[in-house]
Amino acid sequence: MMKTIFLFFLTIYIAYYLFRPVTEKEIKKFNDPDNWSNMGL
């Protein structure tokens, strides 16, 4: 049981660590008013 919980949190941590830089880049791109060309318009 303890091992299952540990693996569960480890998976969440790895997923968070992998997806965080992409998300920050997307947010920065979204908040940049001079970057309309990258928003698919």
N, C-alpha and C. Protein backbone atom coordinates (compact mmCIF):
# COMPACT_ATOMS: atom_id res chain seq x y z
N MET A 1 0.84 -1.20 0.00
CA MET A 1 0.00 0.00 0.00
C MET A 1 0.88 1.25 0.00
N MET A 2 1.88 1.27 0.86
CA MET A 2 2.77 2.44 0.95
C MET A 2 3.53 2.63 -0.36
N LYS A 3 3.94 1.52 -0.96
CA LYS A 3 4.68 1.59 -2.21
C LYS A 3 3.81 2.16 -3.33
N THR A 4 2.53 1.78 -3.34
CA THR A 4 1.60 2.28 -4.35
C THR A 4 1.43 3.78 -4.23
N ILE A 5 1.28 4.28 -3.01
CA ILE A 5 1.12 5.72 -2.78
C ILE A 5 2.38 6.46 -3.21
N PHE A 6 3.54 5.90 -2.89
CA PHE A 6 4.81 6.53 -3.27
C PHE A 6 4.93 6.63 -4.79
N LEU A 7 4.62 5.53 -5.49
CA LEU A 7 4.71 5.54 -6.95
C LEU A 7 3.70 6.52 -7.55
N PHE A 8 2.52 6.62 -6.92
CA PHE A 8 1.49 7.54 -7.40
C PHE A 8 1.98 8.99 -7.35
N PHE A 9 2.54 9.38 -6.20
CA PHE A 9 3.04 10.74 -6.06
C PHE A 9 4.27 10.98 -6.95
N LEU A 10 5.10 9.97 -7.11
CA LEU A 10 6.27 10.11 -7.96
C LEU A 10 5.85 10.34 -9.42
N THR A 11 4.81 9.63 -9.86
CA THR A 11 4.29 9.81 -11.22
C THR A 11 3.75 11.22 -11.40
N ILE A 12 3.01 11.72 -10.42
CA ILE A 12 2.47 13.08 -10.50
C ILE A 12 3.60 14.09 -10.54
N TYR A 13 4.63 13.88 -9.73
CA TYR A 13 5.76 14.81 -9.69
C TYR A 13 6.50 14.85 -11.03
N ILE A 14 6.73 13.67 -11.61
CA ILE A 14 7.42 13.61 -12.90
C ILE A 14 6.58 14.27 -13.99
N ALA A 15 5.27 14.00 -13.99
CA ALA A 15 4.39 14.60 -14.99
C ALA A 15 4.39 16.12 -14.83
N TYR A 16 4.33 16.60 -13.59
CA TYR A 16 4.36 18.05 -13.33
C TYR A 16 5.68 18.65 -13.80
N TYR A 17 6.77 17.96 -13.53
CA TYR A 17 8.09 18.47 -13.89
C TYR A 17 8.26 18.52 -15.41
N LEU A 18 7.68 17.54 -16.12
CA LEU A 18 7.83 17.50 -17.57
C LEU A 18 6.95 18.54 -18.26
N PHE A 19 5.72 18.76 -17.74
CA PHE A 19 4.78 19.63 -18.43
C PHE A 19 4.89 21.09 -18.01
N ARG A 20 5.56 21.38 -16.90
CA ARG A 20 5.63 22.74 -16.39
C ARG A 20 6.36 23.71 -17.34
N PRO A 21 7.55 23.39 -17.87
CA PRO A 21 8.24 24.34 -18.75
C PRO A 21 7.42 24.67 -20.00
N VAL A 22 6.75 23.67 -20.57
CA VAL A 22 5.92 23.90 -21.74
C VAL A 22 4.78 24.85 -21.39
N THR A 23 4.17 24.63 -20.23
CA THR A 23 3.05 25.47 -19.80
C THR A 23 3.51 26.90 -19.58
N GLU A 24 4.66 27.08 -18.95
CA GLU A 24 5.17 28.44 -18.72
C GLU A 24 5.44 29.14 -20.04
N LYS A 25 5.98 28.42 -21.02
CA LYS A 25 6.27 29.00 -22.32
C LYS A 25 4.96 29.39 -23.02
N GLU A 26 3.96 28.52 -22.92
CA GLU A 26 2.67 28.81 -23.54
C GLU A 26 2.02 30.03 -22.90
N ILE A 27 2.09 30.14 -21.57
CA ILE A 27 1.51 31.28 -20.87
C ILE A 27 2.22 32.57 -21.25
N LYS A 28 3.54 32.51 -21.33
CA LYS A 28 4.32 33.69 -21.70
C LYS A 28 3.95 34.13 -23.12
N LYS A 29 3.82 33.15 -24.01
CA LYS A 29 3.46 33.44 -25.39
C LYS A 29 2.04 34.03 -25.46
N PHE A 30 1.16 33.51 -24.63
CA PHE A 30 -0.23 33.96 -24.62
C PHE A 30 -0.35 35.38 -24.08
N ASN A 31 0.49 35.73 -23.09
CA ASN A 31 0.41 37.04 -22.46
C ASN A 31 1.19 38.12 -23.20
N ASP A 32 1.96 37.75 -24.23
CA ASP A 32 2.75 38.72 -24.96
C ASP A 32 1.89 39.41 -26.03
N PRO A 33 1.60 40.70 -25.88
CA PRO A 33 0.69 41.38 -26.81
C PRO A 33 1.27 41.53 -28.21
N ASP A 34 2.59 41.44 -28.36
CA ASP A 34 3.23 41.59 -29.67
C ASP A 34 3.34 40.25 -30.42
N ASN A 35 2.72 39.21 -29.88
CA ASN A 35 2.94 37.87 -30.41
C ASN A 35 1.66 37.30 -31.02
N TRP A 36 0.84 38.13 -31.66
CA TRP A 36 -0.43 37.65 -32.21
C TRP A 36 -0.21 36.64 -33.32
N SER A 37 0.95 36.68 -33.98
CA SER A 37 1.18 35.77 -35.09
C SER A 37 1.27 34.32 -34.63
N ASN A 38 1.62 34.10 -33.36
CA ASN A 38 1.76 32.74 -32.84
C ASN A 38 0.46 32.19 -32.28
N MET A 39 -0.61 32.95 -32.31
CA MET A 39 -1.85 32.50 -31.71
C MET A 39 -2.79 31.87 -32.73
N GLY A 40 -2.33 31.71 -33.97
CA GLY A 40 -3.12 31.02 -34.98
C GLY A 40 -4.21 31.87 -35.58
N LEU A 41 -4.07 33.19 -35.54
CA LEU A 41 -5.08 34.06 -36.13
C LEU A 41 -4.72 34.40 -37.57
